[in-house]
Each structure stands twice: as structure tokens, then as C-alpha cells.
Amino acid sequence: QQCADDRSDMLGDYLCVSQNLAQEIQDMLLWLNEIDAQISISKFVGGIPETAREQLNGFMKIYNELDKMRHKFESFLQNGNDYVCKARDCISHNLTHNLKVLHSKLEKILAHAN
């Protein structure tokens, strides 16, 4: 009975952590979508030098924010993957898929910004 209770507690803990990770992934994906839209809007389209300077400054502000958050994303992805490896038998494959989607989206937006 004690073994079953311990297993139930462990699974409950894994469920809670998995749900928190899934929510954080969703939040990060939303943020990336917003940044991607801002990058598209701020890309240089030409014009007079003053306008070009404003466009460049706007783009660089967004790029610097993305670059700053990049380290948070990479750390989160590493921790998420470590968690998946540790709890492989107890978690949903959706979490693994969502981590891959987040990684892919981050890479796409970084490429788009460059």
C-alpha cells in the first residue's frame, strides 16, 4: 500500500510540473509570435535617412529584447528536456512535442531577425 501511495504522489508531482511547463511553453510561444510580428513590421523598407534611422532603432530594440530572452528560452528548453529524460515513463509525449515546437519557433524567429 505504501508503495502505491508513493507512486501516486510521484505521479501527482510529475503531473503538476508537466502542467506548469506546458503553460510556460504556451506563454513563450505567444511572446515569440508577438516578437515575430514586431520584427516583420520593423524591417527596413527604405525611405529618407531619418525614417531609416527610426526603423533601424526600432528593429534593434526588438532584436536586443529577443537576444536577451534567447538565453532564458535556451535554459528553459534545456531544463525541460532534462525533466523529460528524468520523468520519461510518467509524462505525456505532448510535452516533448511542445518543447520541440518551442525550439523550432525560436530558431525560425532568430533566423527571421537576422
Protein backbone atom coordinates (compact mmCIF):
# COMPACT_ATOMS: atom_id res chain seq x y z
CA GLN A 1 0.00 0.00 0.00
CA GLN A 2 2.81 2.41 0.89
CA CYS A 3 4.47 1.75 -2.48
CA ALA A 4 1.24 2.54 -4.31
CA ASP A 5 0.79 5.74 -2.29
CA ASP A 6 4.36 6.80 -3.03
CA ARG A 7 3.84 6.12 -6.73
CA SER A 8 0.60 8.10 -6.70
CA ASP A 9 2.33 11.06 -5.01
CA MET A 10 5.18 10.91 -7.52
CA LEU A 11 2.76 10.86 -10.46
CA GLY A 12 0.85 13.77 -8.96
CA ASP A 13 4.09 15.74 -8.68
CA TYR A 14 5.02 14.95 -12.28
CA LEU A 15 1.56 16.00 -13.44
CA CYS A 16 1.84 19.34 -11.65
CA VAL A 17 5.30 20.06 -13.06
CA SER A 18 4.22 18.97 -16.55
CA GLN A 19 1.19 21.27 -16.45
CA ASN A 20 3.35 24.19 -15.32
CA LEU A 21 5.85 23.51 -18.11
CA ALA A 22 3.06 23.28 -20.68
CA GLN A 23 1.66 26.63 -19.55
CA GLU A 24 5.09 28.26 -19.68
CA ILE A 25 5.62 26.86 -23.19
CA GLN A 26 2.31 28.39 -24.28
CA ASP A 27 3.29 31.75 -22.77
CA MET A 28 6.66 31.64 -24.54
CA LEU A 29 5.05 30.75 -27.87
CA LEU A 30 2.68 33.70 -27.54
CA TRP A 31 5.60 36.01 -26.78
CA LEU A 32 7.52 34.67 -29.77
CA ASN A 33 4.53 35.28 -32.05
CA GLU A 34 4.32 38.87 -30.82
CA ILE A 35 8.05 39.41 -31.38
CA ASP A 36 7.84 37.84 -34.85
CA ALA A 37 5.06 40.27 -35.79
CA GLN A 38 7.08 43.20 -34.44
CA ILE A 39 10.14 42.10 -36.41
CA SER A 40 8.09 41.93 -39.60
CA ILE A 41 6.73 45.43 -39.03
CA SER A 42 10.10 46.92 -38.11
CA LYS A 43 12.15 45.56 -41.02
CA PHE A 44 13.79 48.26 -43.12
CA VAL A 45 11.64 49.33 -46.05
CA GLY A 46 13.65 52.33 -47.25
CA GLY A 47 12.89 55.99 -47.40
CA ILE A 48 14.60 59.08 -46.17
CA PRO A 49 17.57 58.78 -43.78
CA GLU A 50 15.58 59.91 -40.72
CA THR A 51 12.94 57.26 -41.38
CA ALA A 52 15.59 54.62 -41.97
CA ARG A 53 17.28 55.52 -38.68
CA GLU A 54 13.96 55.23 -36.82
CA GLN A 55 13.27 51.87 -38.47
CA LEU A 56 16.73 50.59 -37.59
CA ASN A 57 16.43 51.79 -33.98
CA GLY A 58 13.01 50.13 -33.66
CA PHE A 59 14.33 46.89 -35.12
CA MET A 60 17.42 46.91 -32.90
CA LYS A 61 15.28 47.42 -29.80
CA ILE A 62 13.21 44.36 -30.71
CA TYR A 63 16.30 42.36 -31.69
CA ASN A 64 18.03 43.17 -28.39
CA GLU A 65 14.93 42.09 -26.46
CA LEU A 66 14.86 38.83 -28.43
CA ASP A 67 18.57 38.27 -27.85
CA LYS A 68 18.15 38.89 -24.12
CA MET A 69 15.25 36.42 -23.93
CA ARG A 70 17.10 33.88 -26.08
CA HIS A 71 19.17 32.78 -23.10
CA LYS A 72 16.03 32.31 -20.99
CA PHE A 73 14.49 30.22 -23.76
CA GLU A 74 17.60 28.08 -24.20
CA SER A 75 17.83 27.50 -20.45
CA PHE A 76 14.12 26.63 -20.28
CA LEU A 77 14.45 24.22 -23.20
CA GLN A 78 17.45 22.52 -21.58
CA ASN A 79 15.65 22.21 -18.24
CA GLY A 80 12.52 20.95 -19.99
CA ASN A 81 14.46 18.32 -21.89
CA ASP A 82 16.25 17.27 -18.70
CA TYR A 83 12.88 16.91 -17.00
CA VAL A 84 11.52 14.84 -19.90
CA CYS A 85 14.51 12.49 -19.66
CA LYS A 86 14.14 12.16 -15.90
CA ALA A 87 10.40 11.55 -15.95
CA ARG A 88 10.14 9.73 -19.28
CA ASP A 89 7.84 6.97 -18.04
CA CYS A 90 5.44 9.31 -16.27
CA ILE A 91 4.79 12.17 -18.67
CA SER A 92 2.85 12.79 -21.81
CA HIS A 93 4.53 12.83 -25.18
CA ASN A 94 2.75 16.14 -25.74
CA LEU A 95 5.30 17.86 -23.50
CA THR A 96 8.16 16.54 -25.62
CA HIS A 97 6.38 17.69 -28.77
CA ASN A 98 5.67 21.13 -27.30
CA LEU A 99 9.32 21.58 -26.36
CA LYS A 100 10.29 20.74 -29.95
CA VAL A 101 7.71 23.23 -31.28
CA LEU A 102 9.08 25.93 -28.98
CA HIS A 103 12.65 25.23 -30.08
CA SER A 104 11.66 25.28 -33.73
CA LYS A 105 9.74 28.56 -33.35
CA LEU A 106 12.67 30.19 -31.54
CA GLU A 107 15.09 29.13 -34.28
CA LYS A 108 12.74 30.38 -37.01
CA ILE A 109 12.34 33.79 -35.40
CA LEU A 110 16.07 34.13 -34.76
CA ALA A 111 16.69 33.38 -38.43
CA HIS A 112 13.97 35.85 -39.43
CA ALA A 113 15.60 38.54 -37.27
CA ASN A 114 18.97 38.00 -38.90
